[in-house]
C-alpha cells in the first residue's frame, strides 16, 4: 500500500518542534493546488533552540531527505512521501534526528 505524498502545505518539523520551510524546485505537478515536494527540494529550519551540553548552540538548519518514492516522479525527481526518511542537520552538518512529518494530503498516494 502507498503512503501520502508531501506537498508544499505539508507540516514538516525538526525533532525539536520547529517547522521546516520547503522551497519547491518544480511547480507543474500539484495536489490541492500546491506543488508536490521532491527529494531535490531544500528544506530550511529557522529558530531551532537545540543546544549541546556546555551550552553550545546546535540548531537544526536543514532537512536532508534520504529516501523518496520508488515509482512516482515529478519533474524527473522522486516525490517525497509521509514515510520518507530524513535527517535534520546542524550548521556543522551533524545529524540532529529525523524530521517529523504531519499534515499531509491523503488524496494522493504513491509507492
Protein backbone atom coordinates (compact mmCIF):
# COMPACT_ATOMS: atom_id res chain seq x y z
CA UNK A 1 0.00 0.00 0.00
CA UNK A 2 1.20 3.52 -0.76
CA UNK A 3 1.83 6.47 1.51
CA UNK A 4 0.55 10.06 1.20
CA UNK A 5 2.75 12.36 -0.88
CA UNK A 6 4.12 15.60 0.55
CA UNK A 7 3.07 18.93 -0.92
CA UNK A 8 4.16 22.48 -0.11
CA UNK A 9 1.49 22.81 2.59
CA UNK A 10 2.55 19.67 4.48
CA UNK A 11 3.81 20.21 8.01
CA UNK A 12 7.44 19.09 8.37
CA UNK A 13 9.20 19.83 11.68
CA UNK A 14 12.65 19.30 13.12
CA UNK A 15 12.75 16.90 16.10
CA UNK A 16 12.63 19.95 18.39
CA UNK A 17 9.25 21.10 17.03
CA UNK A 18 10.32 23.93 14.69
CA UNK A 19 8.67 23.96 11.22
CA UNK A 20 10.83 23.41 8.15
CA UNK A 21 10.09 25.59 5.14
CA UNK A 22 10.30 23.85 1.75
CA UNK A 23 11.48 25.54 -1.43
CA UNK A 24 9.88 23.51 -4.25
CA UNK A 25 12.06 23.02 -7.32
CA UNK A 26 9.11 22.06 -9.52
CA UNK A 27 5.68 23.67 -9.66
CA UNK A 28 3.97 21.82 -12.52
CA UNK A 29 2.73 18.77 -10.59
CA UNK A 30 0.32 19.77 -7.83
CA UNK A 31 -2.20 18.40 -5.37
CA UNK A 32 -4.79 20.65 -3.72
CA UNK A 33 -3.23 23.47 -5.77
CA UNK A 34 0.17 23.06 -4.09
CA UNK A 35 3.36 21.71 -5.70
CA UNK A 36 4.41 18.18 -4.82
CA UNK A 37 7.72 18.12 -2.95
CA UNK A 38 10.64 16.13 -4.31
CA UNK A 39 13.89 14.74 -2.97
CA UNK A 40 15.72 17.67 -4.63
CA UNK A 41 13.83 20.35 -2.65
CA UNK A 42 15.65 22.34 0.01
CA UNK A 43 14.00 22.48 3.43
CA UNK A 44 15.29 25.14 5.83
CA UNK A 45 14.70 25.41 9.57
CA UNK A 46 14.95 28.76 11.35
CA UNK A 47 14.80 29.31 15.11
CA UNK A 48 15.57 25.82 16.44
CA UNK A 49 16.56 26.18 20.12
CA UNK A 50 18.57 22.94 20.46
CA UNK A 51 21.84 23.17 22.42
CA UNK A 52 24.55 20.66 23.20
CA UNK A 53 25.87 20.47 26.78
CA UNK A 54 28.13 23.35 27.56
CA UNK A 55 25.81 25.10 26.44
CA UNK A 56 26.77 25.05 22.79
CA UNK A 57 24.12 26.11 20.26
CA UNK A 58 23.48 23.36 17.72
CA UNK A 59 20.21 24.30 15.99
CA UNK A 60 18.66 22.36 13.15
CA UNK A 61 19.03 24.41 9.95
CA UNK A 62 18.26 21.96 7.13
CA UNK A 63 16.38 18.74 6.37
CA UNK A 64 18.07 16.20 4.08
CA UNK A 65 15.81 13.51 2.60
CA UNK A 66 17.35 10.04 2.43
CA UNK A 67 14.50 8.16 0.74
CA UNK A 68 11.60 9.06 -1.54
CA UNK A 69 9.08 7.37 -3.81
CA UNK A 70 10.40 4.44 -5.82
CA UNK A 71 7.89 4.80 -8.65
CA UNK A 72 6.47 8.33 -8.75
CA UNK A 73 8.44 11.32 -10.02
CA UNK A 74 7.70 15.00 -10.58
CA UNK A 75 9.99 16.80 -12.98
CA UNK A 76 12.08 13.63 -13.20
CA UNK A 77 12.82 13.60 -9.43
CA UNK A 78 11.28 11.16 -6.88
CA UNK A 79 8.44 12.73 -4.85
CA UNK A 80 8.58 12.76 -1.05
CA UNK A 81 6.20 10.57 0.94
CA UNK A 82 4.96 10.74 4.51
CA UNK A 83 7.07 7.62 5.07
CA UNK A 84 10.27 9.09 3.52
CA UNK A 85 13.29 9.05 5.84
CA UNK A 86 15.16 12.21 6.60
CA UNK A 87 17.79 13.81 8.80
CA UNK A 88 17.76 17.28 10.28
CA UNK A 89 21.23 18.81 10.18
CA UNK A 90 23.04 21.43 12.26
CA UNK A 91 25.23 24.12 10.61
CA UNK A 92 28.17 21.72 11.08
CA UNK A 93 26.21 19.05 9.12
CA UNK A 94 25.91 16.95 12.29
CA UNK A 95 22.68 14.90 12.31
CA UNK A 96 20.13 16.05 14.89
CA UNK A 97 17.49 13.37 14.29
CA UNK A 98 14.70 12.66 11.80
CA UNK A 99 12.17 15.24 10.68
CA UNK A 100 8.60 14.80 11.87
CA UNK A 101 6.03 14.77 9.04
CA UNK A 102 2.37 15.61 9.64
CA UNK A 103 -0.43 17.42 7.89
CA UNK A 104 -0.20 15.66 4.53
CA UNK A 105 -2.95 15.29 1.95
CA UNK A 106 -4.36 11.75 1.97
CA UNK A 107 -5.84 12.37 -1.50
CA UNK A 108 -2.71 11.32 -3.38
CA UNK A 109 -0.83 8.13 -2.51
CA UNK A 110 2.37 6.74 -4.01
CA UNK A 111 4.85 3.90 -3.61
